[in-house]
């Protein structure tokens, strides 16, 4: 059961990041906007969970950095105005 939940979050991550890229590329959302940043942050979290569970370090660290970037931008969106 635990493996299925982790896989669910991983697939969510893939869909979220691809959706964010699609939506920005076709100008449906702004690259600096909340929707884009939330999709990227939560998507990278989902992929990082799968990478961690499989002890796959390259995608884990890529997504940790991606989450950190997203966290900084989200912090700025919520608190720096």
N, C-alpha and C. Protein backbone atom coordinates (compact mmCIF):
# COMPACT_ATOMS: atom_id res chain seq x y z
N UNK A 1 0.82 -1.20 0.00
CA UNK A 1 0.00 0.00 0.00
C UNK A 1 0.86 1.26 0.00
N UNK A 2 1.92 1.26 0.82
CA UNK A 2 2.80 2.42 0.91
C UNK A 2 3.44 2.71 -0.45
N UNK A 3 3.84 1.67 -1.15
CA UNK A 3 4.48 1.84 -2.46
C UNK A 3 3.51 2.47 -3.45
N UNK A 4 2.24 2.10 -3.39
CA UNK A 4 1.23 2.67 -4.30
C UNK A 4 1.01 4.15 -4.01
N UNK A 5 1.03 4.52 -2.75
CA UNK A 5 0.86 5.93 -2.39
C UNK A 5 2.05 6.75 -2.90
N UNK A 6 3.25 6.23 -2.72
CA UNK A 6 4.44 6.93 -3.21
C UNK A 6 4.39 7.05 -4.72
N UNK A 7 3.98 6.00 -5.41
CA UNK A 7 3.86 6.05 -6.87
C UNK A 7 2.81 7.08 -7.30
N UNK A 8 1.72 7.17 -6.56
CA UNK A 8 0.70 8.17 -6.86
C UNK A 8 1.30 9.58 -6.80
N UNK A 9 2.05 9.86 -5.73
CA UNK A 9 2.66 11.18 -5.60
C UNK A 9 3.69 11.42 -6.69
N UNK A 10 4.41 10.38 -7.08
CA UNK A 10 5.36 10.51 -8.18
C UNK A 10 4.69 10.85 -9.49
N UNK A 11 3.59 10.16 -9.79
CA UNK A 11 2.87 10.47 -11.02
C UNK A 11 2.24 11.86 -10.94
N UNK A 12 1.75 12.24 -9.77
CA UNK A 12 1.26 13.61 -9.61
C UNK A 12 2.37 14.60 -9.95
N UNK A 13 3.58 14.32 -9.44
CA UNK A 13 4.71 15.21 -9.69
C UNK A 13 5.00 15.38 -11.17
N UNK A 14 5.00 14.28 -11.89
CA UNK A 14 5.24 14.33 -13.34
C UNK A 14 4.17 15.17 -14.02
N UNK A 15 2.91 14.91 -13.70
CA UNK A 15 1.81 15.64 -14.33
C UNK A 15 1.87 17.12 -13.94
N UNK A 16 2.17 17.42 -12.69
CA UNK A 16 2.22 18.82 -12.24
C UNK A 16 3.31 19.60 -12.95
N UNK A 17 4.51 19.04 -13.03
CA UNK A 17 5.61 19.76 -13.68
C UNK A 17 5.37 19.92 -15.17
N UNK A 18 4.90 18.87 -15.82
CA UNK A 18 4.60 18.99 -17.25
C UNK A 18 3.46 19.97 -17.50
N UNK A 19 2.46 19.97 -16.63
CA UNK A 19 1.36 20.92 -16.76
C UNK A 19 1.84 22.35 -16.59
N UNK A 20 2.70 22.57 -15.61
CA UNK A 20 3.24 23.91 -15.40
C UNK A 20 3.99 24.39 -16.64
N UNK A 21 4.82 23.53 -17.20
CA UNK A 21 5.58 23.89 -18.40
C UNK A 21 4.65 24.17 -19.57
N UNK A 22 3.66 23.32 -19.77
CA UNK A 22 2.69 23.51 -20.84
C UNK A 22 1.94 24.84 -20.67
N UNK A 23 1.42 25.07 -19.47
CA UNK A 23 0.62 26.27 -19.23
C UNK A 23 1.42 27.55 -19.40
N UNK A 24 2.67 27.56 -18.99
CA UNK A 24 3.51 28.74 -19.18
C UNK A 24 3.90 28.89 -20.64
N UNK A 25 4.25 27.81 -21.29
CA UNK A 25 4.68 27.87 -22.68
C UNK A 25 3.59 28.38 -23.61
N UNK A 26 2.35 28.04 -23.31
CA UNK A 26 1.24 28.49 -24.14
C UNK A 26 0.51 29.70 -23.56
N UNK A 27 1.17 30.36 -22.60
CA UNK A 27 0.73 31.64 -22.04
C UNK A 27 -0.63 31.58 -21.33
N UNK A 28 -0.95 30.43 -20.74
CA UNK A 28 -2.16 30.34 -19.94
C UNK A 28 -1.94 30.87 -18.53
N UNK A 29 -0.72 30.75 -18.03
CA UNK A 29 -0.38 31.28 -16.71
C UNK A 29 0.97 31.99 -16.81
N UNK A 30 1.24 32.84 -15.83
CA UNK A 30 2.50 33.59 -15.81
C UNK A 30 3.59 32.78 -15.12
N UNK A 31 4.83 32.88 -15.61
CA UNK A 31 5.91 32.11 -15.00
C UNK A 31 6.23 32.52 -13.57
N UNK A 32 5.93 33.73 -13.20
CA UNK A 32 6.19 34.16 -11.83
C UNK A 32 4.98 34.05 -10.94
N UNK A 33 3.90 33.49 -11.46
CA UNK A 33 2.65 33.44 -10.71
C UNK A 33 2.54 32.29 -9.73
N UNK A 34 1.55 32.38 -8.89
CA UNK A 34 1.33 31.40 -7.83
C UNK A 34 1.06 30.00 -8.40
N UNK A 35 0.23 29.90 -9.41
CA UNK A 35 -0.13 28.59 -9.96
C UNK A 35 1.10 27.86 -10.47
N UNK A 36 1.93 28.56 -11.23
CA UNK A 36 3.14 27.95 -11.78
C UNK A 36 4.08 27.49 -10.67
N UNK A 37 4.27 28.33 -9.69
CA UNK A 37 5.20 28.00 -8.61
C UNK A 37 4.67 26.85 -7.75
N UNK A 38 3.38 26.82 -7.49
CA UNK A 38 2.81 25.71 -6.72
C UNK A 38 2.90 24.39 -7.47
N UNK A 39 2.62 24.43 -8.78
CA UNK A 39 2.74 23.20 -9.57
C UNK A 39 4.18 22.69 -9.56
N UNK A 40 5.13 23.58 -9.73
CA UNK A 40 6.54 23.17 -9.72
C UNK A 40 6.98 22.65 -8.34
N UNK A 41 6.60 23.36 -7.30
CA UNK A 41 7.01 22.96 -5.95
C UNK A 41 6.41 21.61 -5.58
N UNK A 42 5.10 21.47 -5.73
CA UNK A 42 4.47 20.21 -5.34
C UNK A 42 4.86 19.07 -6.28
N UNK A 43 5.07 19.38 -7.55
CA UNK A 43 5.51 18.36 -8.48
C UNK A 43 6.89 17.83 -8.14
N UNK A 44 7.79 18.73 -7.82
CA UNK A 44 9.14 18.28 -7.46
C UNK A 44 9.13 17.51 -6.14
N UNK A 45 8.24 17.86 -5.25
CA UNK A 45 8.10 17.10 -4.00
C UNK A 45 7.67 15.66 -4.28
N UNK A 46 6.70 15.50 -5.17
CA UNK A 46 6.24 14.16 -5.52
C UNK A 46 7.33 13.31 -6.15
N UNK A 47 8.08 13.89 -7.07
CA UNK A 47 9.16 13.14 -7.71
C UNK A 47 10.29 12.86 -6.72
N UNK A 48 10.55 13.79 -5.83
CA UNK A 48 11.59 13.58 -4.81
C UNK A 48 11.21 12.41 -3.88
N UNK A 49 9.93 12.27 -3.56
CA UNK A 49 9.50 11.16 -2.71
C UNK A 49 9.79 9.81 -3.37
N UNK A 50 9.50 9.72 -4.65
CA UNK A 50 9.78 8.48 -5.37
C UNK A 50 11.28 8.22 -5.43
N UNK A 51 12.04 9.25 -5.76
CA UNK A 51 13.50 9.10 -5.84
C UNK A 51 14.08 8.68 -4.50
N UNK A 52 13.59 9.27 -3.41
CA UNK A 52 14.06 8.91 -2.08
C UNK A 52 13.74 7.45 -1.76
N UNK A 53 12.52 7.04 -2.09
CA UNK A 53 12.11 5.67 -1.78
C UNK A 53 12.93 4.64 -2.55
N UNK A 54 13.43 5.04 -3.72
CA UNK A 54 14.24 4.13 -4.54
C UNK A 54 15.74 4.36 -4.35
N UNK A 55 16.09 5.29 -3.47
CA UNK A 55 17.49 5.64 -3.21
C UNK A 55 18.21 6.06 -4.50
N UNK A 56 17.49 6.82 -5.34
CA UNK A 56 18.02 7.30 -6.61
C UNK A 56 18.43 8.76 -6.40
N UNK A 57 19.71 8.98 -6.18
CA UNK A 57 20.20 10.26 -5.70
C UNK A 57 20.13 11.41 -6.71
N UNK A 58 20.38 11.15 -8.00
CA UNK A 58 20.38 12.26 -8.96
C UNK A 58 19.02 12.95 -9.05
N UNK A 59 17.93 12.22 -9.30
CA UNK A 59 16.65 12.93 -9.34
C UNK A 59 16.23 13.46 -7.96
N UNK A 60 16.68 12.80 -6.90
CA UNK A 60 16.36 13.31 -5.57
C UNK A 60 16.95 14.69 -5.37
N UNK A 61 18.23 14.85 -5.66
CA UNK A 61 18.88 16.15 -5.44
C UNK A 61 18.40 17.21 -6.42
N UNK A 62 18.14 16.81 -7.66
CA UNK A 62 17.58 17.75 -8.62
C UNK A 62 16.27 18.32 -8.09
N UNK A 63 15.42 17.46 -7.58
CA UNK A 63 14.12 17.91 -7.11
C UNK A 63 14.17 18.61 -5.77
N UNK A 64 15.16 18.30 -4.95
CA UNK A 64 15.35 19.06 -3.71
C UNK A 64 15.72 20.51 -4.05
N UNK A 65 16.63 20.68 -5.00
CA UNK A 65 17.00 22.04 -5.43
C UNK A 65 15.80 22.73 -6.05
N UNK A 66 15.04 22.03 -6.89
CA UNK A 66 13.85 22.57 -7.53
C UNK A 66 12.85 23.03 -6.47
N UNK A 67 12.67 22.21 -5.42
CA UNK A 67 11.76 22.59 -4.33
C UNK A 67 12.25 23.82 -3.59
N UNK A 68 13.55 23.91 -3.37
CA UNK A 68 14.11 25.07 -2.66
C UNK A 68 13.88 26.35 -3.45
N UNK A 69 14.10 26.28 -4.75
CA UNK A 69 13.84 27.45 -5.60
C UNK A 69 12.36 27.82 -5.51
N UNK A 70 11.50 26.83 -5.64
CA UNK A 70 10.07 27.09 -5.55
C UNK A 70 9.66 27.64 -4.19
N UNK A 71 10.26 27.13 -3.14
CA UNK A 71 9.93 27.61 -1.79
C UNK A 71 10.31 29.08 -1.62
N UNK A 72 11.46 29.46 -2.15
CA UNK A 72 11.89 30.86 -2.05
C UNK A 72 10.91 31.76 -2.81
N UNK A 73 10.53 31.35 -4.01
CA UNK A 73 9.60 32.17 -4.80
C UNK A 73 8.23 32.22 -4.13
N UNK A 74 7.76 31.09 -3.63
CA UNK A 74 6.47 31.11 -2.93
C UNK A 74 6.52 31.99 -1.69
N UNK A 75 7.62 31.94 -0.95
CA UNK A 75 7.78 32.82 0.21
C UNK A 75 7.68 34.28 -0.22
N UNK A 76 8.37 34.61 -1.29
CA UNK A 76 8.33 36.00 -1.80
C UNK A 76 6.92 36.39 -2.22
N UNK A 77 6.21 35.47 -2.87
CA UNK A 77 4.85 35.78 -3.32
C UNK A 77 3.92 36.05 -2.14
N UNK A 78 4.10 35.30 -1.05
CA UNK A 78 3.21 35.44 0.08
C UNK A 78 3.62 36.53 1.07
N UNK A 79 4.93 36.74 1.25
CA UNK A 79 5.38 37.60 2.34
C UNK A 79 6.18 38.82 1.94
N UNK A 80 6.60 38.93 0.71
CA UNK A 80 7.46 40.05 0.34
C UNK A 80 6.68 41.21 -0.30
N UNK A 81 5.38 41.11 -0.32
CA UNK A 81 4.60 42.21 -0.94
C UNK A 81 4.29 43.28 0.04
